[in-house]
């Protein structure tokens, strides 16, 4: 939790559980109350990625439920959108996602490219926000 206080950018990975983030991540998020209360989580860039066991297993709803947390924190949510042609193959503008077939399928180049794009955009925008807030 302490890393969230000093980090300018945080990217959360969340396995999908019934179209929502896993309970373990929610439990971690619930420990951020003191930082949130101090305003230490606001004005930072947040993003996310997910994996599901099956196709149509809740990629988008998991990411958007995670983003609801960031909105409450006062965070700036950065997604890949369709800012790169690779996203027309990956197909998820909310963040990187992968269907693992219950752990049997490793992430492929499409999923890894989407993850790299998500991270690159979050870091670039995070740097711009930090610079803008300082000046």
N, C-alpha and C. Protein backbone atom coordinates (compact mmCIF):
# COMPACT_ATOMS: atom_id res chain seq x y z
N UNK A 1 0.83 -1.19 0.00
CA UNK A 1 0.00 0.00 0.00
C UNK A 1 0.87 1.25 0.00
N UNK A 2 1.98 1.23 0.72
CA UNK A 2 2.83 2.42 0.82
C UNK A 2 3.35 2.87 -0.55
N UNK A 3 3.54 1.94 -1.47
CA UNK A 3 4.02 2.31 -2.80
C UNK A 3 3.04 3.22 -3.53
N UNK A 4 1.76 3.09 -3.23
CA UNK A 4 0.77 3.96 -3.88
C UNK A 4 0.95 5.41 -3.48
N UNK A 5 1.53 5.66 -2.31
CA UNK A 5 1.70 7.04 -1.84
C UNK A 5 2.73 7.79 -2.68
N UNK A 6 3.81 7.13 -3.08
CA UNK A 6 4.86 7.83 -3.82
C UNK A 6 4.78 7.63 -5.33
N UNK A 7 4.10 6.60 -5.79
CA UNK A 7 4.05 6.32 -7.23
C UNK A 7 3.24 7.38 -7.97
N UNK A 8 3.70 7.74 -9.15
CA UNK A 8 2.97 8.66 -10.02
C UNK A 8 1.98 7.91 -10.91
N UNK A 9 2.27 6.63 -11.16
CA UNK A 9 1.46 5.78 -12.02
C UNK A 9 1.32 4.42 -11.33
N UNK A 10 0.13 3.86 -11.36
CA UNK A 10 -0.09 2.50 -10.85
C UNK A 10 -0.96 1.74 -11.83
N UNK A 11 -0.50 0.56 -12.21
CA UNK A 11 -1.24 -0.30 -13.12
C UNK A 11 -1.59 -1.57 -12.36
N UNK A 12 -2.88 -1.84 -12.26
CA UNK A 12 -3.35 -2.98 -11.49
C UNK A 12 -3.74 -4.12 -12.42
N UNK A 13 -3.33 -5.33 -12.08
CA UNK A 13 -3.77 -6.53 -12.78
C UNK A 13 -4.80 -7.24 -11.93
N UNK A 14 -5.90 -7.63 -12.55
CA UNK A 14 -6.99 -8.24 -11.79
C UNK A 14 -7.58 -9.41 -12.55
N UNK A 15 -7.47 -10.62 -12.01
CA UNK A 15 -8.19 -11.71 -12.66
C UNK A 15 -9.70 -11.48 -12.52
N UNK A 16 -10.43 -11.94 -13.48
CA UNK A 16 -11.88 -11.77 -13.46
C UNK A 16 -12.53 -12.86 -12.62
N UNK A 17 -13.39 -12.44 -11.73
CA UNK A 17 -14.21 -13.36 -10.95
C UNK A 17 -15.65 -12.91 -11.09
N UNK A 18 -16.39 -13.65 -11.92
CA UNK A 18 -17.81 -13.34 -12.14
C UNK A 18 -18.01 -11.92 -12.63
N UNK A 19 -17.12 -11.47 -13.52
CA UNK A 19 -17.25 -10.15 -14.11
C UNK A 19 -16.78 -9.02 -13.22
N UNK A 20 -16.10 -9.35 -12.14
CA UNK A 20 -15.59 -8.33 -11.21
C UNK A 20 -14.14 -8.67 -10.86
N UNK A 21 -13.49 -7.74 -10.15
CA UNK A 21 -12.14 -8.03 -9.69
C UNK A 21 -12.19 -9.11 -8.62
N UNK A 22 -11.10 -9.83 -8.47
CA UNK A 22 -11.01 -10.88 -7.47
C UNK A 22 -11.09 -10.29 -6.06
N UNK A 23 -11.63 -11.06 -5.15
CA UNK A 23 -11.81 -10.62 -3.77
C UNK A 23 -10.48 -10.22 -3.12
N UNK A 24 -9.40 -10.90 -3.49
CA UNK A 24 -8.11 -10.58 -2.90
C UNK A 24 -7.66 -9.17 -3.26
N UNK A 25 -7.90 -8.76 -4.50
CA UNK A 25 -7.55 -7.39 -4.88
C UNK A 25 -8.47 -6.40 -4.19
N UNK A 26 -9.73 -6.72 -4.09
CA UNK A 26 -10.67 -5.84 -3.38
C UNK A 26 -10.25 -5.68 -1.92
N UNK A 27 -9.78 -6.75 -1.32
CA UNK A 27 -9.31 -6.68 0.06
C UNK A 27 -8.13 -5.72 0.17
N UNK A 28 -7.20 -5.79 -0.78
CA UNK A 28 -6.08 -4.86 -0.80
C UNK A 28 -6.58 -3.42 -0.96
N UNK A 29 -7.47 -3.21 -1.90
CA UNK A 29 -8.02 -1.87 -2.15
C UNK A 29 -8.66 -1.32 -0.88
N UNK A 30 -9.33 -2.18 -0.14
CA UNK A 30 -9.99 -1.73 1.09
C UNK A 30 -9.00 -1.23 2.14
N UNK A 31 -7.73 -1.57 2.01
CA UNK A 31 -6.72 -1.09 2.96
C UNK A 31 -6.20 0.30 2.60
N UNK A 32 -6.64 0.84 1.48
CA UNK A 32 -6.12 2.15 1.03
C UNK A 32 -6.87 3.33 1.63
N UNK A 33 -7.84 3.07 2.47
CA UNK A 33 -8.65 4.14 3.06
C UNK A 33 -7.85 5.26 3.69
N UNK A 34 -6.84 4.96 4.52
CA UNK A 34 -6.05 6.05 5.11
C UNK A 34 -5.35 6.92 4.06
N UNK A 35 -4.79 6.32 3.03
CA UNK A 35 -4.15 7.11 1.96
C UNK A 35 -5.18 7.95 1.23
N UNK A 36 -6.31 7.35 0.93
CA UNK A 36 -7.39 8.08 0.26
C UNK A 36 -7.83 9.26 1.12
N UNK A 37 -7.99 9.03 2.42
CA UNK A 37 -8.42 10.08 3.33
C UNK A 37 -7.46 11.26 3.40
N UNK A 38 -6.18 11.00 3.14
CA UNK A 38 -5.17 12.05 3.13
C UNK A 38 -5.05 12.72 1.77
N UNK A 39 -5.78 12.21 0.78
CA UNK A 39 -5.68 12.75 -0.58
C UNK A 39 -4.46 12.26 -1.31
N UNK A 40 -3.78 11.24 -0.77
CA UNK A 40 -2.52 10.77 -1.34
C UNK A 40 -2.70 9.93 -2.61
N UNK A 41 -3.92 9.58 -2.95
CA UNK A 41 -4.16 8.77 -4.14
C UNK A 41 -4.70 9.58 -5.31
N UNK A 42 -4.97 10.85 -5.07
CA UNK A 42 -5.54 11.72 -6.11
C UNK A 42 -4.47 12.22 -7.07
N UNK A 43 -4.92 12.60 -8.26
CA UNK A 43 -4.07 13.22 -9.29
C UNK A 43 -2.93 12.33 -9.74
N UNK A 44 -3.16 11.03 -9.68
CA UNK A 44 -2.20 10.05 -10.18
C UNK A 44 -2.85 9.31 -11.34
N UNK A 45 -2.03 8.72 -12.18
CA UNK A 45 -2.53 7.95 -13.32
C UNK A 45 -2.68 6.49 -12.91
N UNK A 46 -3.83 5.92 -13.27
CA UNK A 46 -4.11 4.51 -12.99
C UNK A 46 -4.56 3.83 -14.28
N UNK A 47 -4.22 2.55 -14.39
CA UNK A 47 -4.68 1.75 -15.51
C UNK A 47 -4.82 0.32 -15.03
N UNK A 48 -5.27 -0.57 -15.93
CA UNK A 48 -5.46 -1.94 -15.51
C UNK A 48 -5.41 -2.93 -16.65
N UNK A 49 -5.27 -4.19 -16.26
CA UNK A 49 -5.33 -5.31 -17.20
C UNK A 49 -6.00 -6.48 -16.49
N UNK A 50 -6.50 -7.42 -17.28
CA UNK A 50 -7.22 -8.54 -16.69
C UNK A 50 -7.05 -9.81 -17.52
N UNK A 51 -7.40 -10.91 -16.91
CA UNK A 51 -7.43 -12.19 -17.59
C UNK A 51 -8.68 -12.94 -17.13
N UNK A 52 -9.30 -13.62 -18.07
CA UNK A 52 -10.47 -14.44 -17.74
C UNK A 52 -10.20 -15.88 -18.14
N UNK A 53 -10.96 -16.77 -17.57
CA UNK A 53 -10.82 -18.17 -17.92
C UNK A 53 -11.49 -18.52 -19.23
N UNK A 54 -12.51 -17.76 -19.60
CA UNK A 54 -13.29 -18.07 -20.80
C UNK A 54 -13.55 -16.81 -21.61
N UNK A 55 -13.83 -17.02 -22.89
CA UNK A 55 -14.24 -15.90 -23.74
C UNK A 55 -15.54 -15.33 -23.19
N UNK A 56 -15.70 -14.05 -23.31
CA UNK A 56 -16.90 -13.36 -22.80
C UNK A 56 -17.06 -13.55 -21.29
N UNK A 57 -15.93 -13.70 -20.60
CA UNK A 57 -15.94 -13.96 -19.16
C UNK A 57 -15.94 -12.72 -18.29
N UNK A 58 -16.03 -11.54 -18.89
CA UNK A 58 -16.13 -10.33 -18.09
C UNK A 58 -14.94 -9.40 -18.16
N UNK A 59 -14.19 -9.45 -19.27
CA UNK A 59 -13.04 -8.55 -19.42
C UNK A 59 -13.41 -7.10 -19.13
N UNK A 60 -14.37 -6.61 -19.88
CA UNK A 60 -14.72 -5.18 -19.80
C UNK A 60 -15.30 -4.81 -18.44
N UNK A 61 -16.19 -5.63 -17.92
CA UNK A 61 -16.80 -5.28 -16.63
C UNK A 61 -15.79 -5.33 -15.49
N UNK A 62 -14.83 -6.22 -15.59
CA UNK A 62 -13.79 -6.26 -14.55
C UNK A 62 -12.98 -4.98 -14.57
N UNK A 63 -12.58 -4.55 -15.76
CA UNK A 63 -11.78 -3.32 -15.85
C UNK A 63 -12.59 -2.10 -15.42
N UNK A 64 -13.83 -2.01 -15.87
CA UNK A 64 -14.61 -0.83 -15.49
C UNK A 64 -14.93 -0.82 -13.99
N UNK A 65 -15.10 -1.99 -13.39
CA UNK A 65 -15.31 -2.01 -11.93
C UNK A 65 -14.04 -1.59 -11.20
N UNK A 66 -12.89 -1.97 -11.72
CA UNK A 66 -11.62 -1.52 -11.15
C UNK A 66 -11.48 0.00 -11.29
N UNK A 67 -11.87 0.51 -12.44
CA UNK A 67 -11.76 1.96 -12.68
C UNK A 67 -12.66 2.76 -11.74
N UNK A 68 -13.78 2.18 -11.31
CA UNK A 68 -14.63 2.87 -10.34
C UNK A 68 -13.87 3.22 -9.08
N UNK A 69 -12.97 2.34 -8.66
CA UNK A 69 -12.12 2.63 -7.50
C UNK A 69 -11.27 3.85 -7.77
N UNK A 70 -10.66 3.90 -8.95
CA UNK A 70 -9.76 5.00 -9.28
C UNK A 70 -10.50 6.33 -9.33
N UNK A 71 -11.74 6.30 -9.81
CA UNK A 71 -12.55 7.53 -9.82
C UNK A 71 -12.77 8.04 -8.40
N UNK A 72 -13.05 7.12 -7.49
CA UNK A 72 -13.26 7.52 -6.09
C UNK A 72 -11.99 8.09 -5.48
N UNK A 73 -10.86 7.58 -5.89
CA UNK A 73 -9.58 8.09 -5.39
C UNK A 73 -9.25 9.47 -5.95
N UNK A 74 -9.93 9.88 -7.01
CA UNK A 74 -9.57 11.14 -7.68
C UNK A 74 -8.47 10.93 -8.70
N UNK A 75 -8.36 9.69 -9.17
CA UNK A 75 -7.31 9.33 -10.12
C UNK A 75 -7.67 9.66 -11.55
N UNK A 76 -6.68 9.57 -12.40
CA UNK A 76 -6.81 9.81 -13.83
C UNK A 76 -6.66 8.45 -14.51
N UNK A 77 -7.73 7.95 -15.09
CA UNK A 77 -7.72 6.63 -15.70
C UNK A 77 -7.22 6.73 -17.14
N UNK A 78 -6.22 5.93 -17.45
CA UNK A 78 -5.66 5.89 -18.80
C UNK A 78 -5.87 4.49 -19.36
N UNK A 79 -6.46 4.43 -20.53
CA UNK A 79 -6.70 3.16 -21.21
C UNK A 79 -5.97 3.18 -22.55
N UNK A 80 -5.83 2.03 -23.21
CA UNK A 80 -5.22 2.05 -24.53
C UNK A 80 -6.13 2.66 -25.59
N UNK A 81 -7.46 2.60 -25.33
CA UNK A 81 -8.38 3.06 -26.36
C UNK A 81 -8.08 2.36 -27.67
N UNK A 82 -8.32 3.06 -28.74
CA UNK A 82 -7.94 2.55 -30.07
C UNK A 82 -6.87 3.49 -30.63
N UNK A 83 -5.85 3.75 -29.81
CA UNK A 83 -4.80 4.70 -30.17
C UNK A 83 -3.70 4.07 -31.01
N UNK A 84 -3.77 2.78 -31.23
CA UNK A 84 -2.77 2.07 -32.02
C UNK A 84 -3.51 1.01 -32.83
N UNK A 85 -3.04 0.76 -34.03
CA UNK A 85 -3.73 -0.22 -34.89
C UNK A 85 -3.77 -1.60 -34.26
N UNK A 86 -2.84 -1.92 -33.37
CA UNK A 86 -2.86 -3.23 -32.71
C UNK A 86 -4.13 -3.43 -31.89
N UNK A 87 -4.74 -2.35 -31.45
CA UNK A 87 -5.95 -2.45 -30.65
C UNK A 87 -7.16 -2.93 -31.45
N UNK A 88 -7.10 -2.79 -32.77
CA UNK A 88 -8.19 -3.29 -33.59
C UNK A 88 -8.17 -4.82 -33.63
N UNK A 89 -7.03 -5.40 -33.31
CA UNK A 89 -6.92 -6.86 -33.19
C UNK A 89 -7.23 -7.28 -31.76
N UNK A 90 -6.65 -6.57 -30.79
CA UNK A 90 -6.87 -6.90 -29.38
C UNK A 90 -8.33 -6.71 -29.00
N UNK A 91 -8.91 -5.61 -29.46
CA UNK A 91 -10.34 -5.39 -29.32
C UNK A 91 -10.87 -4.93 -27.98
N UNK A 92 -10.01 -4.54 -27.06
CA UNK A 92 -10.51 -4.08 -25.76
C UNK A 92 -9.96 -2.69 -25.46
N UNK A 93 -10.76 -1.65 -25.67
CA UNK A 93 -10.26 -0.29 -25.46
C UNK A 93 -10.08 0.08 -24.00
N UNK A 94 -10.57 -0.75 -23.07
CA UNK A 94 -10.51 -0.43 -21.65
C UNK A 94 -9.17 -0.80 -21.01
N UNK A 95 -8.47 -1.75 -21.58
CA UNK A 95 -7.19 -2.19 -21.03
C UNK A 95 -6.80 -3.51 -21.65
N UNK A 96 -5.60 -3.94 -21.34
CA UNK A 96 -5.13 -5.22 -21.86
C UNK A 96 -5.92 -6.35 -21.21
N UNK A 97 -6.25 -7.36 -22.01
CA UNK A 97 -6.96 -8.51 -21.46
C UNK A 97 -6.58 -9.76 -22.22
N UNK A 98 -6.81 -10.88 -21.56
CA UNK A 98 -6.42 -12.17 -22.12
C UNK A 98 -7.41 -13.23 -21.65
N UNK A 99 -7.70 -14.17 -22.53
CA UNK A 99 -8.51 -15.32 -22.17
C UNK A 99 -7.58 -16.51 -22.02
N UNK A 100 -7.49 -17.05 -20.81
CA UNK A 100 -6.49 -18.08 -20.51
C UNK A 100 -7.00 -19.51 -20.61
N UNK A 101 -8.29 -19.68 -20.85
CA UNK A 101 -8.88 -21.02 -20.83
C UNK A 101 -8.51 -21.74 -19.53
N UNK A 102 -8.78 -21.03 -18.44
CA UNK A 102 -8.48 -21.53 -17.09
C UNK A 102 -7.01 -21.90 -16.90
N UNK A 103 -6.15 -21.02 -17.40
CA UNK A 103 -4.72 -21.17 -17.21
C UNK A 103 -4.00 -22.02 -18.23
N UNK A 104 -4.71 -22.53 -19.22
CA UNK A 104 -4.09 -23.40 -20.21
C UNK A 104 -3.42 -22.65 -21.35
N UNK A 105 -3.80 -21.39 -21.57
CA UNK A 105 -3.27 -20.62 -22.70
C UNK A 105 -2.48 -19.43 -22.16
N UNK A 106 -1.21 -19.38 -22.50
CA UNK A 106 -0.37 -18.25 -22.09
C UNK A 106 -0.71 -17.02 -22.94
N UNK A 107 -0.46 -15.83 -22.42
CA UNK A 107 -0.70 -14.61 -23.22
C UNK A 107 0.07 -14.67 -24.54
N UNK A 108 -0.60 -14.30 -25.63
CA UNK A 108 0.03 -14.30 -26.94
C UNK A 108 0.55 -12.90 -27.26
N UNK A 109 1.10 -12.74 -28.47
CA UNK A 109 1.65 -11.44 -28.88
C UNK A 109 0.60 -10.34 -28.87
N UNK A 110 -0.63 -10.67 -29.20
CA UNK A 110 -1.71 -9.66 -29.21
C UNK A 110 -1.92 -9.12 -27.80
N UNK A 111 -2.03 -10.01 -26.82
CA UNK A 111 -2.25 -9.59 -25.43
C UNK A 111 -1.03 -8.85 -24.89
N UNK A 112 0.16 -9.33 -25.21
CA UNK A 112 1.38 -8.68 -24.71
C UNK A 112 1.57 -7.30 -25.34
N UNK A 113 1.22 -7.16 -26.61
CA UNK A 113 1.30 -5.85 -27.27
C UNK A 113 0.30 -4.88 -26.64
N UNK A 114 -0.89 -5.36 -26.34
CA UNK A 114 -1.89 -4.52 -25.68
C UNK A 114 -1.42 -4.10 -24.29
N UNK A 115 -0.78 -5.01 -23.58
CA UNK A 115 -0.25 -4.68 -22.24
C UNK A 115 0.85 -3.64 -22.34
N UNK A 116 1.73 -3.79 -23.32
CA UNK A 116 2.81 -2.81 -23.51
C UNK A 116 2.26 -1.44 -23.88
N UNK A 117 1.26 -1.41 -24.74
CA UNK A 117 0.63 -0.14 -25.12
C UNK A 117 -0.02 0.52 -23.91
N UNK A 118 -0.73 -0.26 -23.13
CA UNK A 118 -1.38 0.26 -21.93
C UNK A 118 -0.35 0.87 -20.99
N UNK A 119 0.73 0.15 -20.74
CA UNK A 119 1.78 0.64 -19.84
C UNK A 119 2.46 1.88 -20.40
N UNK A 120 2.77 1.85 -21.68
CA UNK A 120 3.45 3.00 -22.31
C UNK A 120 2.59 4.26 -22.21
N UNK A 121 1.31 4.14 -22.51
CA UNK A 121 0.42 5.31 -22.42
C UNK A 121 0.30 5.80 -20.98
N UNK A 122 0.17 4.89 -20.04
CA UNK A 122 0.04 5.29 -18.64
C UNK A 122 1.29 6.05 -18.17
N UNK A 123 2.46 5.56 -18.53
CA UNK A 123 3.70 6.22 -18.12
C UNK A 123 3.85 7.57 -18.81
N UNK A 124 3.57 7.64 -20.11
CA UNK A 124 3.68 8.91 -20.83
C UNK A 124 2.73 9.95 -20.25
N UNK A 125 1.50 9.57 -20.03
CA UNK A 125 0.53 10.53 -19.51
C UNK A 125 0.82 10.85 -18.05
N UNK A 126 1.29 9.87 -17.30
CA UNK A 126 1.69 10.13 -15.92
C UNK A 126 2.81 11.15 -15.83
N UNK A 127 3.79 11.04 -16.72
CA UNK A 127 4.90 12.01 -16.73
C UNK A 127 4.39 13.40 -17.08
N UNK A 128 3.47 13.48 -18.04
CA UNK A 128 2.91 14.78 -18.42
C UNK A 128 2.10 15.39 -17.28
N UNK A 129 1.33 14.58 -16.58
CA UNK A 129 0.55 15.07 -15.45
C UNK A 129 1.48 15.58 -14.35
N UNK A 130 2.50 14.81 -14.04
CA UNK A 130 3.45 15.22 -13.00
C UNK A 130 4.11 16.54 -13.36
N UNK A 131 4.54 16.66 -14.61
CA UNK A 131 5.18 17.90 -15.06
C UNK A 131 4.20 19.06 -14.98
N UNK A 132 2.98 18.84 -15.44
CA UNK A 132 1.98 19.89 -15.42
C UNK A 132 1.59 20.32 -14.01
N UNK A 133 1.52 19.37 -13.10
CA UNK A 133 1.16 19.68 -11.71
C UNK A 133 2.30 20.43 -11.01
N UNK A 134 3.53 20.19 -11.45
CA UNK A 134 4.69 20.85 -10.82
C UNK A 134 4.84 22.29 -11.28
N UNK A 135 4.36 22.57 -12.49
CA UNK A 135 4.59 23.90 -13.07
C UNK A 135 3.44 24.77 -12.91
